[in-house]
PDB file of N, CA and C in Angstrom:
ATOM      1  N   MET A   1       3.908 -29.884   6.148  1.00  0.00           N
ATOM      2  CA  MET A   1       4.456 -28.791   6.101  1.00  0.00           C
ATOM      3  C   MET A   1       4.853 -27.900   7.063  1.00  0.00           C
ATOM      4  N   GLN A   2       5.609 -26.908   6.710  1.00  0.00           N
ATOM      5  CA  GLN A   2       6.017 -25.692   7.746  1.00  0.00           C
ATOM      6  C   GLN A   2       6.032 -24.377   7.189  1.00  0.00           C
ATOM      7  N   LEU A   3       5.264 -23.561   7.814  1.00  0.00           N
ATOM      8  CA  LEU A   3       5.410 -22.344   7.114  1.00  0.00           C
ATOM      9  C   LEU A   3       6.574 -21.487   7.759  1.00  0.00           C
ATOM     10  N   GLN A   4       7.457 -21.065   6.596  1.00  0.00           N
ATOM     11  CA  GLN A   4       8.724 -20.308   7.084  1.00  0.00           C
ATOM     12  C   GLN A   4       8.763 -18.897   7.084  1.00  0.00           C
ATOM     13  N   MET A   5       7.810 -18.311   6.097  1.00  0.00           N
ATOM     14  CA  MET A   5       7.751 -16.552   6.422  1.00  0.00           C
ATOM     15  C   MET A   5       6.354 -16.301   5.617  1.00  0.00           C
ATOM     16  N   ASN A   6       5.830 -15.288   6.272  1.00  0.00           N
ATOM     17  CA  ASN A   6       4.658 -14.699   5.427  1.00  0.00           C
ATOM     18  C   ASN A   6       5.006 -13.237   4.950  1.00  0.00           C
ATOM     19  N   GLN A   7       4.452 -12.809   3.679  1.00  0.00           N
ATOM     20  CA  GLN A   7       4.820 -11.705   3.197  1.00  0.00           C
ATOM     21  C   GLN A   7       3.573 -11.063   2.697  1.00  0.00           C
ATOM     22  N   ILE A   8       2.979  -9.826   2.899  1.00  0.00           N
ATOM     23  CA  ILE A   8       1.989  -9.212   2.590  1.00  0.00           C
ATOM     24  C   ILE A   8       2.064  -8.259   1.785  1.00  0.00           C
ATOM     25  N   SER A   9       1.357  -7.891   0.647  1.00  0.00           N
ATOM     26  CA  SER A   9       1.647  -6.555  -0.118  1.00  0.00           C
ATOM     27  C   SER A   9       0.028  -6.227  -0.384  1.00  0.00           C
ATOM     28  N   ARG A  10      -0.358  -5.228  -0.076  1.00  0.00           N
ATOM     29  CA  ARG A  10      -1.632  -4.778  -0.834  1.00  0.00           C
ATOM     30  C   ARG A  10      -1.538  -3.503  -1.226  1.00  0.00           C
ATOM     31  N   ASP A  11      -2.350  -3.140  -2.342  1.00  0.00           N
ATOM     32  CA  ASP A  11      -2.237  -1.858  -3.168  1.00  0.00           C
ATOM     33  C   ASP A  11      -3.784  -1.222  -3.371  1.00  0.00           C
ATOM     34  N   TRP A  12      -3.823   0.218  -3.266  1.00  0.00           N
ATOM     35  CA  TRP A  12      -4.817   0.730  -3.620  1.00  0.00           C
ATOM     36  C   TRP A  12      -4.645   1.950  -4.843  1.00  0.00           C
ATOM     37  N   THR A  13      -5.586   2.140  -5.323  1.00  0.00           N
ATOM     38  CA  THR A  13      -5.436   3.292  -6.403  1.00  0.00           C
ATOM     39  C   THR A  13      -6.692   4.418  -5.645  1.00  0.00           C
ATOM     40  N   ILE A  14      -6.362   5.680  -5.565  1.00  0.00           N
ATOM     41  CA  ILE A  14      -7.109   6.516  -4.909  1.00  0.00           C
ATOM     42  C   ILE A  14      -6.996   7.993  -5.672  1.00  0.00           C
ATOM     43  N   LEU A  15      -8.293   8.280  -5.849  1.00  0.00           N
ATOM     44  CA  LEU A  15      -8.515   9.415  -6.522  1.00  0.00           C
ATOM     45  C   LEU A  15      -8.675  10.653  -5.637  1.00  0.00           C
ATOM     46  N   HIS A  16      -8.031  11.403  -5.271  1.00  0.00           N
ATOM     47  CA  HIS A  16      -8.189  12.732  -4.060  1.00  0.00           C
ATOM     48  C   HIS A  16      -8.020  14.067  -4.754  1.00  0.00           C
ATOM     49  N   ALA A  17      -9.069  14.898  -4.613  1.00  0.00           N
ATOM     50  CA  ALA A  17      -8.940  16.509  -5.223  1.00  0.00           C
ATOM     51  C   ALA A  17      -8.293  16.531  -6.671  1.00  0.00           C
ATOM     52  N   GLY A  18      -8.703  15.551  -7.533  1.00  0.00           N
ATOM     53  CA  GLY A  18      -8.387  16.025  -8.787  1.00  0.00           C
ATOM     54  C   GLY A  18      -6.819  15.146  -9.263  1.00  0.00           C
ATOM     55  N   ARG A  19      -6.391  14.300  -8.112  1.00  0.00           N
ATOM     56  CA  ARG A  19      -5.186  13.812  -8.431  1.00  0.00           C
ATOM     57  C   ARG A  19      -5.233  12.435  -8.266  1.00  0.00           C
ATOM     58  N   LYS A  20      -4.539  11.192  -8.467  1.00  0.00           N
ATOM     59  CA  LYS A  20      -4.375  10.029  -8.525  1.00  0.00           C
ATOM     60  C   LYS A  20      -3.109   9.754  -7.917  1.00  0.00           C
ATOM     61  N   PHE A  21      -3.321   8.877  -6.795  1.00  0.00           N
ATOM     62  CA  PHE A  21      -2.510   8.429  -6.091  1.00  0.00           C
ATOM     63  C   PHE A  21      -2.221   6.656  -6.070  1.00  0.00           C
ATOM     64  N   TYR A  22      -1.423   6.167  -5.833  1.00  0.00           N
ATOM     65  CA  TYR A  22      -1.129   4.654  -5.831  1.00  0.00           C
ATOM     66  C   TYR A  22      -0.451   4.387  -4.578  1.00  0.00           C
ATOM     67  N   VAL A  23      -1.096   3.675  -3.373  1.00  0.00           N
ATOM     68  CA  VAL A  23      -0.631   3.361  -2.225  1.00  0.00           C
ATOM     69  C   VAL A  23      -0.145   2.098  -2.195  1.00  0.00           C
ATOM     70  N   ASN A  24       0.909   1.562  -1.662  1.00  0.00           N
ATOM     71  CA  ASN A  24       1.271   0.247  -1.440  1.00  0.00           C
ATOM     72  C   ASN A  24       1.678   0.246   0.145  1.00  0.00           C
ATOM     73  N   TYR A  25       1.401  -1.070   0.633  1.00  0.00           N
ATOM     74  CA  TYR A  25       1.857  -1.660   2.211  1.00  0.00           C
ATOM     75  C   TYR A  25       2.112  -3.073   2.009  1.00  0.00           C
ATOM     76  N   THR A  26       3.543  -2.985   2.379  1.00  0.00           N
ATOM     77  CA  THR A  26       4.071  -4.435   2.355  1.00  0.00           C
ATOM     78  C   THR A  26       4.744  -4.419   3.606  1.00  0.00           C
ATOM     79  N   ASP A  27       4.612  -5.839   4.312  1.00  0.00           N
ATOM     80  CA  ASP A  27       5.202  -6.326   5.243  1.00  0.00           C
ATOM     81  C   ASP A  27       5.464  -7.792   5.511  1.00  0.00           C
ATOM     82  N   SER A  28       6.470  -8.215   6.353  1.00  0.00           N
ATOM     83  CA  SER A  28       6.911  -9.525   6.454  1.00  0.00           C
ATOM     84  C   SER A  28       7.146  -9.919   7.804  1.00  0.00           C
ATOM     85  N   ASP A  29       7.088 -11.114   7.988  1.00  0.00           N
ATOM     86  CA  ASP A  29       7.510 -11.531   9.739  1.00  0.00           C
ATOM     87  C   ASP A  29       8.954 -12.106   8.937  1.00  0.00           C
ATOM     88  N   GLY A  30       9.671 -11.762   8.095  1.00  0.00           N
ATOM     89  CA  GLY A  30      11.147 -12.277   7.488  1.00  0.00           C
ATOM     90  C   GLY A  30      11.615 -11.349   6.992  1.00  0.00           C
ATOM     91  N   GLN A  31      13.007 -11.884   6.325  1.00  0.00           N
ATOM     92  CA  GLN A  31      13.674 -10.663   5.550  1.00  0.00           C
ATOM     93  C   GLN A  31      13.202 -10.886   4.562  1.00  0.00           C
ATOM     94  N   THR A  32      12.836  -9.683   3.586  1.00  0.00           N
ATOM     95  CA  THR A  32      12.590  -9.993   2.301  1.00  0.00           C
ATOM     96  C   THR A  32      13.020  -8.580   1.346  1.00  0.00           C
ATOM     97  N   LEU A  33      13.318  -8.767   0.179  1.00  0.00           N
ATOM     98  CA  LEU A  33      13.700  -7.809  -0.503  1.00  0.00           C
ATOM     99  C   LEU A  33      12.822  -6.847  -1.058  1.00  0.00           C
ATOM    100  N   ALA A  34      11.514  -6.833  -0.648  1.00  0.00           N
ATOM    101  CA  ALA A  34      10.498  -6.144  -1.058  1.00  0.00           C
ATOM    102  C   ALA A  34      10.690  -5.081   0.011  1.00  0.00           C
ATOM    103  N   LEU A  35      11.213  -4.943   0.814  1.00  0.00           N
ATOM    104  CA  LEU A  35      11.385  -4.002   1.870  1.00  0.00           C
ATOM    105  C   LEU A  35      12.730  -3.570   2.250  1.00  0.00           C
ATOM    106  N   CYS A  36      13.625  -3.522   1.335  1.00  0.00           N
ATOM    107  CA  CYS A  36      15.056  -2.714   1.176  1.00  0.00           C
ATOM    108  C   CYS A  36      14.509  -1.663   0.856  1.00  0.00           C
ATOM    109  N   ASN A  37      15.313  -0.529   1.661  1.00  0.00           N
ATOM    110  CA  ASN A  37      15.442   0.631   1.193  1.00  0.00           C
ATOM    111  C   ASN A  37      13.932   1.232   1.333  1.00  0.00           C
ATOM    112  N   ARG A  38      12.909   0.801   2.109  1.00  0.00           N
ATOM    113  CA  ARG A  38      11.727   1.586   2.201  1.00  0.00           C
ATOM    114  C   ARG A  38      11.128   1.124   3.491  1.00  0.00           C
ATOM    115  N   ASN A  39      10.181   1.895   3.791  1.00  0.00           N
ATOM    116  CA  ASN A  39       9.175   1.824   4.888  1.00  0.00           C
ATOM    117  C   ASN A  39       7.916   0.436   4.242  1.00  0.00           C
ATOM    118  N   ASN A  40       7.282   0.509   5.328  1.00  0.00           N
ATOM    119  CA  ASN A  40       6.226  -0.503   5.091  1.00  0.00           C
ATOM    120  C   ASN A  40       5.155   0.337   4.012  1.00  0.00           C
ATOM    121  N   TRP A  41       4.871   1.435   4.034  1.00  0.00           N
ATOM    122  CA  TRP A  41       3.848   2.220   3.298  1.00  0.00           C
ATOM    123  C   TRP A  41       4.758   3.273   2.119  1.00  0.00           C
ATOM    124  N   GLU A  42       4.349   3.166   0.845  1.00  0.00           N
ATOM    125  CA  GLU A  42       4.907   3.615  -0.207  1.00  0.00           C
ATOM    126  C   GLU A  42       3.489   4.416  -0.930  1.00  0.00           C
ATOM    127  N   VAL A  43       3.879   5.807  -1.144  1.00  0.00           N
ATOM    128  CA  VAL A  43       2.834   6.675  -1.762  1.00  0.00           C
ATOM    129  C   VAL A  43       3.446   7.156  -3.209  1.00  0.00           C
ATOM    130  N   TRP A  44       2.614   6.974  -4.440  1.00  0.00           N
ATOM    131  CA  TRP A  44       3.191   7.420  -5.667  1.00  0.00           C
ATOM    132  C   TRP A  44       2.090   8.183  -6.207  1.00  0.00           C
ATOM    133  N   GLU A  45       2.381   9.387  -6.740  1.00  0.00           N
ATOM    134  CA  GLU A  45       1.471  10.038  -7.484  1.00  0.00           C
ATOM    135  C   GLU A  45       1.660   9.839  -9.097  1.00  0.00           C
ATOM    136  N   GLU A  46       0.465  10.019  -9.914  1.00  0.00           N
ATOM    137  CA  GLU A  46       0.655   9.945 -11.318  1.00  0.00           C
ATOM    138  C   GLU A  46       0.700  11.332 -11.643  1.00  0.00           C
ATOM    139  N   THR A  47       1.613  11.880 -12.234  1.00  0.00           N
ATOM    140  CA  THR A  47       1.953  13.113 -12.856  1.00  0.00           C
ATOM    141  C   THR A  47       1.990  13.311 -14.675  1.00  0.00           C
ATOM    142  N   ASP A  48       2.120  14.437 -14.961  1.00  0.00           N
ATOM    143  CA  ASP A  48       1.987  14.534 -16.466  1.00  0.00           C
ATOM    144  C   ASP A  48       3.552  14.005 -16.765  1.00  0.00           C
ATOM    145  N   GLU A  49       4.514  13.783 -16.044  1.00  0.00           N
ATOM    146  CA  GLU A  49       6.002  13.233 -16.374  1.00  0.00           C
ATOM    147  C   GLU A  49       5.745  11.706 -16.281  1.00  0.00           C
ATOM    148  N   GLY A  50       4.558  11.113 -15.488  1.00  0.00           N
ATOM    149  CA  GLY A  50       4.777   9.835 -15.136  1.00  0.00           C
ATOM    150  C   GLY A  50       4.193   9.308 -13.527  1.00  0.00           C
ATOM    151  N   THR A  51       4.842   8.640 -13.504  1.00  0.00           N
ATOM    152  CA  THR A  51       4.325   8.121 -11.697  1.00  0.00           C
ATOM    153  C   THR A  51       5.612   8.251 -11.207  1.00  0.00           C
ATOM    154  N   GLU A  52       5.715   9.183  -9.797  1.00  0.00           N
ATOM    155  CA  GLU A  52       6.583   9.637  -9.041  1.00  0.00           C
ATOM    156  C   GLU A  52       6.375   9.394  -7.441  1.00  0.00           C
ATOM    157  N   GLU A  53       7.200   8.840  -6.744  1.00  0.00           N
ATOM    158  CA  GLU A  53       6.943   8.826  -5.414  1.00  0.00           C
ATOM    159  C   GLU A  53       6.513  10.216  -4.794  1.00  0.00           C
ATOM    160  N   LEU A  54       5.359  10.248  -3.716  1.00  0.00           N
ATOM    161  CA  LEU A  54       5.304  11.621  -3.469  1.00  0.00           C
ATOM    162  C   LEU A  54       6.309  12.041  -2.507  1.00  0.00           C
ATOM    163  N   ASP A  55       6.724  13.424  -2.770  1.00  0.00           N
ATOM    164  CA  ASP A  55       7.744  14.085  -2.291  1.00  0.00           C
ATOM    165  C   ASP A  55       7.271  14.659  -0.974  1.00  0.00           C
ATOM    166  N   VAL A  56       7.921  14.001   0.048  1.00  0.00           N
ATOM    167  CA  VAL A  56       7.632  14.405   1.564  1.00  0.00           C
ATOM    168  C   VAL A  56       8.820  15.124   2.244  1.00  0.00           C
ATOM    169  N   TYR A  57       9.892  15.160   1.298  1.00  0.00           N
ATOM    170  CA  TYR A  57      11.239  15.450   1.931  1.00  0.00           C
ATOM    171  C   TYR A  57      11.533  16.955   1.719  1.00  0.00           C
ATOM    172  N   PHE A  58      12.466  17.442   2.636  1.00  0.00           N
ATOM    173  CA  PHE A  58      13.155  18.960   2.270  1.00  0.00           C
ATOM    174  C   PHE A  58      14.179  18.956   2.904  1.00  0.00           C
ATOM    175  N   SER A  59      15.191  19.966   2.121  1.00  0.00           N
ATOM    176  CA  SER A  59      16.307  20.235   2.896  1.00  0.00           C
ATOM    177  C   SER A  59      16.420  21.545   3.428  1.00  0.00           C
ATOM    178  N   LYS A  60      17.560  21.721   4.137  1.00  0.00           N
ATOM    179  CA  LYS A  60      17.744  23.373   4.390  1.00  0.00           C
ATOM    180  C   LYS A  60      17.945  24.411   3.113  1.00  0.00           C
ATOM    181  N   GLY A  61      18.485  23.609   2.058  1.00  0.00           N
ATOM    182  CA  GLY A  61      18.603  24.535   0.973  1.00  0.00           C
ATOM    183  C   GLY A  61      17.268  24.981   0.176  1.00  0.00           C
ATOM    184  N   ASP A  62      16.309  24.055   0.573  1.00  0.00           N
ATOM    185  CA  ASP A  62      14.906  24.351  -0.173  1.00  0.00           C
ATOM    186  C   ASP A  62      14.197  25.731   0.173  1.00  0.00           C
ATOM    187  N   THR A  63      13.523  26.210  -0.834  1.00  0.00           N
ATOM    188  CA  THR A  63      12.834  27.799  -0.476  1.00  0.00           C
ATOM    189  C   THR A  63      11.375  27.048   0.345  1.00  0.00           C
ATOM    190  N   PRO A  64      11.344  28.234   1.261  1.00  0.00           N
ATOM    191  CA  PRO A  64      10.065  28.186   1.917  1.00  0.00           C
ATOM    192  C   PRO A  64       8.977  27.598   1.105  1.00  0.00           C
ATOM    193  N   LYS A  65       8.650  27.845  -0.180  1.00  0.00           N
ATOM    194  CA  LYS A  65       7.526  27.408  -0.966  1.00  0.00           C
ATOM    195  C   LYS A  65       7.837  25.815  -0.760  1.00  0.00           C
ATOM    196  N   GLU A  66       9.178  25.458  -1.452  1.00  0.00           N
ATOM    197  CA  GLU A  66       9.510  23.782  -1.569  1.00  0.00           C
ATOM    198  C   GLU A  66       9.130  23.105  -0.295  1.00  0.00           C
ATOM    199  N   GLN A  67       9.582  23.649   1.099  1.00  0.00           N
ATOM    200  CA  GLN A  67       9.509  23.099   2.201  1.00  0.00           C
ATOM    201  C   GLN A  67       7.774  22.991   2.652  1.00  0.00           C
ATOM    202  N   ARG A  68       7.076  23.931   2.557  1.00  0.00           N
ATOM    203  CA  ARG A  68       5.571  23.853   2.346  1.00  0.00           C
ATOM    204  C   ARG A  68       4.905  22.783   1.863  1.00  0.00           C
ATOM    205  N   LYS A  69       5.213  22.710   0.588  1.00  0.00           N
ATOM    206  CA  LYS A  69       4.913  21.775  -0.312  1.00  0.00           C
ATOM    207  C   LYS A  69       5.191  20.259   0.312  1.00  0.00           C
ATOM    208  N   ALA A  70       6.430  20.207   0.587  1.00  0.00           N
ATOM    209  CA  ALA A  70       6.646  18.876   1.287  1.00  0.00           C
ATOM    210  C   ALA A  70       5.987  18.651   2.470  1.00  0.00           C
ATOM    211  N   GLU A  71       5.592  19.530   3.644  1.00  0.00           N
ATOM    212  CA  GLU A  71       5.175  19.524   4.474  1.00  0.00           C
ATOM    213  C   GLU A  71       3.383  18.978   4.221  1.00  0.00           C
ATOM    214  N   ASN A  72       3.049  20.020   3.235  1.00  0.00           N
ATOM    215  CA  ASN A  72       1.565  19.542   2.792  1.00  0.00           C
ATOM    216  C   ASN A  72       1.512  18.079   2.232  1.00  0.00           C
ATOM    217  N   ASN A  73       2.449  17.681   1.273  1.00  0.00           N
ATOM    218  CA  ASN A  73       2.585  16.432   0.927  1.00  0.00           C
ATOM    219  C   ASN A  73       2.716  15.477   2.150  1.00  0.00           C
ATOM    220  N   SER A  74       3.372  15.843   3.037  1.00  0.00           N
ATOM    221  CA  SER A  74       3.535  14.795   4.575  1.00  0.00           C
ATOM    222  C   SER A  74       1.998  14.485   5.113  1.00  0.00           C
ATOM    223  N   LEU A  75       1.377  15.477   5.136  1.00  0.00           N
ATOM    224  CA  LEU A  75       0.024  15.395   5.443  1.00  0.00           C
ATOM    225  C   LEU A  75      -0.796  14.557   4.597  1.00  0.00           C
ATOM    226  N   LEU A  76      -0.677  14.826   3.605  1.00  0.00           N
ATOM    227  CA  LEU A  76      -1.500  14.279   2.639  1.00  0.00           C
ATOM    228  C   LEU A  76      -1.388  12.755   2.551  1.00  0.00           C
ATOM    229  N   LYS A  77       0.177  12.215   2.827  1.00  0.00           N
ATOM    230  CA  LYS A  77       0.566  10.904   2.834  1.00  0.00           C
ATOM    231  C   LYS A  77      -0.227  10.578   4.031  1.00  0.00           C
ATOM    232  N   GLU A  78      -0.021  10.851   5.182  1.00  0.00           N
ATOM    233  CA  GLU A  78      -0.666  10.344   6.187  1.00  0.00           C
ATOM    234  C   GLU A  78      -2.010  10.453   6.024  1.00  0.00           C
ATOM    235  N   ARG A  79      -2.759  11.279   5.363  1.00  0.00           N
ATOM    236  CA  ARG A  79      -4.503  10.712   4.984  1.00  0.00           C
ATOM    237  C   ARG A  79      -4.553   9.997   3.984  1.00  0.00           C
ATOM    238  N   LEU A  80      -4.060   9.437   3.382  1.00  0.00           N
ATOM    239  CA  LEU A  80      -3.781   8.631   2.345  1.00  0.00           C
ATOM    240  C   LEU A  80      -3.517   7.263   3.036  1.00  0.00           C
ATOM    241  N   ILE A  81      -2.832   7.399   3.800  1.00  0.00           N
ATOM    242  CA  ILE A  81      -2.664   5.858   4.736  1.00  0.00           C
ATOM    243  C   ILE A  81      -3.748   5.583   5.528  1.00  0.00           C
ATOM    244  N   MET A  82      -4.118   6.589   6.415  1.00  0.00           N
ATOM    245  CA  MET A  82      -5.438   6.500   7.174  1.00  0.00           C
ATOM    246  C   MET A  82      -6.492   5.904   6.341  1.00  0.00           C
ATOM    247  N   PHE A  83      -6.730   6.612   5.249  1.00  0.00           N
ATOM    248  CA  PHE A  83      -7.808   6.159   4.388  1.00  0.00           C
ATOM    249  C   PHE A  83      -7.809   4.658   4.087  1.00  0.00           C
ATOM    250  N   CYS A  84      -6.424   4.038   3.523  1.00  0.00           N
ATOM    251  CA  CYS A  84      -6.336   2.410   3.133  1.00  0.00           C
ATOM    252  C   CYS A  84      -6.321   1.986   4.253  1.00  0.00           C
ATOM    253  N   ILE A  85      -5.902   2.178   5.439  1.00  0.00           N
ATOM    254  CA  ILE A  85      -5.957   1.639   6.683  1.00  0.00           C
ATOM    255  C   ILE A  85      -7.708   1.207   7.209  1.00  0.00           C
ATOM    256  N   GLU A  86      -8.417   2.420   7.109  1.00  0.00           N
ATOM    257  CA  GLU A  86      -9.735   2.317   7.342  1.00  0.00           C
ATOM    258  C   GLU A  86     -10.637   1.684   6.398  1.00  0.00           C
ATOM    259  N   ASN A  87     -10.214   1.336   5.111  1.00  0.00           N
ATOM    260  CA  ASN A  87     -10.607   0.315   4.050  1.00  0.00           C
ATOM    261  C   ASN A  87      -9.929  -0.527   3.853  1.00  0.00           C
ATOM    262  N   TRP A  88      -9.106  -1.052   4.662  1.00  0.00           N
ATOM    263  CA  TRP A  88      -8.540  -2.298   4.478  1.00  0.00           C
ATOM    264  C   TRP A  88      -9.281  -3.408   4.411  1.00  0.00           C
ATOM    265  N   ASP A  89     -10.454  -3.709   5.269  1.00  0.00           N
ATOM    266  CA  ASP A  89     -11.337  -4.843   5.070  1.00  0.00           C
ATOM    267  C   ASP A  89     -12.723  -4.394   4.219  1.00  0.00           C
ATOM    268  N   SER A  90     -12.290  -3.923   3.079  1.00  0.00           N
ATOM    269  CA  SER A  90     -13.728  -3.307   2.097  1.00  0.00           C
ATOM    270  C   SER A  90     -14.420  -4.439   1.510  1.00  0.00           C
ATOM    271  N   GLN A  91     -15.343  -4.508   0.848  1.00  0.00           N
ATOM    272  CA  GLN A  91     -16.176  -5.151   0.265  1.00  0.00           C
ATOM    273  C   GLN A  91     -15.422  -5.950  -0.524  1.00  0.00           C
ATOM    274  N   PHE A  92     -14.484  -5.585  -1.386  1.00  0.00           N
ATOM    275  CA  PHE A  92     -13.558  -6.396  -2.124  1.00  0.00           C
ATOM    276  C   PHE A  92     -12.896  -7.560  -1.420  1.00  0.00           C
ATOM    277  N   MET A  93     -12.320  -7.048  -0.255  1.00  0.00           N
ATOM    278  CA  MET A  93     -11.414  -8.135   0.574  1.00  0.00           C
ATOM    279  C   MET A  93     -12.105  -8.990   1.172  1.00  0.00           C
ATOM    280  N   GLN A  94     -13.798  -8.795   1.517  1.00  0.00           N
ATOM    281  CA  GLN A  94     -14.822  -9.512   1.918  1.00  0.00           C
ATOM    282  C   GLN A  94     -15.167 -10.793   0.612  1.00  0.00           C
ATOM    283  N   GLU A  95     -15.210 -10.288  -0.658  1.00  0.00           N
ATOM    284  CA  GLU A  95     -15.483 -11.168  -1.383  1.00  0.00           C
ATOM    285  C   GLU A  95     -13.980 -12.243  -1.903  1.00  0.00           C
ATOM    286  N   ILE A  96     -12.930 -11.700  -1.703  1.00  0.00           N
ATOM    287  CA  ILE A  96     -11.533 -12.565  -1.688  1.00  0.00           C
ATOM    288  C   ILE A  96     -11.764 -13.438  -0.650  1.00  0.00           C
ATOM    289  N   LYS A  97     -12.110 -12.927   0.637  1.00  0.00           N
ATOM    290  CA  LYS A  97     -11.909 -14.138   1.603  1.00  0.00           C
ATOM    291  C   LYS A  97     -12.857 -15.127   1.376  1.00  0.00           C
ATOM    292  N   ALA A  98     -14.175 -14.705   0.958  1.00  0.00           N
ATOM    293  CA  ALA A  98     -15.055 -15.797   0.542  1.00  0.00           C
ATOM    294  C   ALA A  98     -14.631 -16.829  -0.604  1.00  0.00           C
ATOM    295  N   LYS A  99     -13.961 -16.222  -1.498  1.00  0.00           N
ATOM    296  CA  LYS A  99     -13.828 -16.845  -2.766  1.00  0.00           C
ATOM    297  C   LYS A  99     -12.549 -17.870  -2.250  1.00  0.00           C
ATOM    298  N   LEU A 100     -11.688 -17.517  -1.275  1.00  0.00           N
ATOM    299  CA  LEU A 100     -10.666 -18.533  -0.643  1.00  0.00           C
ATOM    300  C   LEU A 100     -11.248 -19.708  -0.034  1.00  0.00           C
ATOM    301  N   GLN A 101     -12.304 -18.961   1.185  1.00  0.00           N
ATOM    302  CA  GLN A 101     -12.963 -20.045   1.818  1.00  0.00           C
ATOM    303  C   GLN A 101     -13.648 -21.202   0.876  1.00  0.00           C
ATOM    304  N   GLU A 102     -14.083 -20.949  -0.137  1.00  0.00           N
ATOM    305  CA  GLU A 102     -14.820 -21.793  -1.107  1.00  0.00           C
ATOM    306  C   GLU A 102     -13.764 -22.450  -1.764  1.00  0.00           C
ATOM    307  N   GLN A 103     -12.510 -21.892  -2.284  1.00  0.00           N
ATOM    308  CA  GLN A 103     -11.169 -22.817  -2.641  1.00  0.00           C
ATOM    309  C   GLN A 103     -11.172 -23.553  -1.811  1.00  0.00           C
ATOM    310  N   LYS A 104     -10.967 -23.500  -0.638  1.00  0.00           N
ATOM    311  CA  LYS A 104     -10.424 -24.311   0.513  1.00  0.00           C
ATOM    312  C   LYS A 104     -11.481 -25.496   0.650  1.00  0.00           C
ATOM    313  N   GLY A 105     -12.677 -25.172   0.610  1.00  0.00           N
ATOM    314  CA  GLY A 105     -13.511 -26.327   0.694  1.00  0.00           C
ATOM    315  C   GLY A 105     -13.353 -27.059  -0.348  1.00  0.00           C
ATOM    316  N   LEU A 106     -13.305 -26.766  -1.671  1.00  0.00           N
ATOM    317  CA  LEU A 106     -13.090 -27.588  -2.622  1.00  0.00           C
ATOM    318  C   LEU A 106     -11.800 -28.410  -2.482  1.00  0.00           C
ATOM    319  N   LEU A 107     -10.936 -27.607  -2.160  1.00  0.00           N
ATOM    320  CA  LEU A 107      -9.472 -28.516  -2.221  1.00  0.00           C
ATOM    321  C   LEU A 107      -9.606 -29.607  -0.874  1.00  0.00           C
ATOM    322  N   GLY A 108     -10.413 -28.909   0.225  1.00  0.00           N
ATOM    323  CA  GLY A 108     -10.424 -30.209   1.109  1.00  0.00           C
ATOM    324  C   GLY A 108     -11.327 -31.310   0.539  1.00  0.00           C
ATOM    325  N   GLY A 109     -12.226 -30.945  -0.302  1.00  0.00           N
ATOM    326  CA  GLY A 109     -12.713 -32.221  -1.182  1.00  0.00           C
ATOM    327  C   GLY A 109     -12.100 -33.269  -1.710  1.00  0.00           C
ATOM    328  N   ILE A 110     -11.390 -32.209  -2.169  1.00  0.00           N
ATOM    329  CA  ILE A 110     -10.217 -33.180  -3.550  1.00  0.00           C
ATOM    330  C   ILE A 110      -9.654 -33.966  -2.743  1.00  0.00           C
ATOM    331  N   LEU A 111      -8.880 -33.713  -1.573  1.00  0.00           N
ATOM    332  CA  LEU A 111      -7.823 -34.195  -0.529  1.00  0.00           C
ATOM    333  C   LEU A 111      -8.526 -35.177   0.039  1.00  0.00           C
ATOM    334  N   ASN A 112      -9.750 -35.295   0.576  1.00  0.00           N
ATOM    335  CA  ASN A 112     -10.524 -36.309   1.146  1.00  0.00           C
ATOM    336  C   ASN A 112     -11.202 -37.104   0.455  1.00  0.00           C
ATOM    337  N   ASP A 113     -11.207 -37.210  -0.865  1.00  0.00           N
ATOM    338  CA  ASP A 113     -11.760 -38.276  -2.165  1.00  0.00           C
ATOM    339  C   ASP A 113     -10.385 -39.292  -1.859  1.00  0.00           C
TER     340      ASP A 113
END
């Protein structure tokens, strides 16, 4: 067997200041449709209208209030990403790694029989 490409995608649901955010990190060592028209990190917020991407952009025509909101959202996005990075190897991930090692052992036993 020869490995051609790796793709990883990780999701977090974060409650912060009474708001709910969904953060996704996706990366690949090859070309993948999952990364078309986006960066590695995406942050979405659950709102009354549904789930929408956290608005971090503004244009020259925006009001100062809209610009401040986008700037604040940009800082919030950075904080959420930093939180995810700091919690990448959480207890949940440790449990997944242990289960994978267990599966590897079981598969190794089957293949060696």
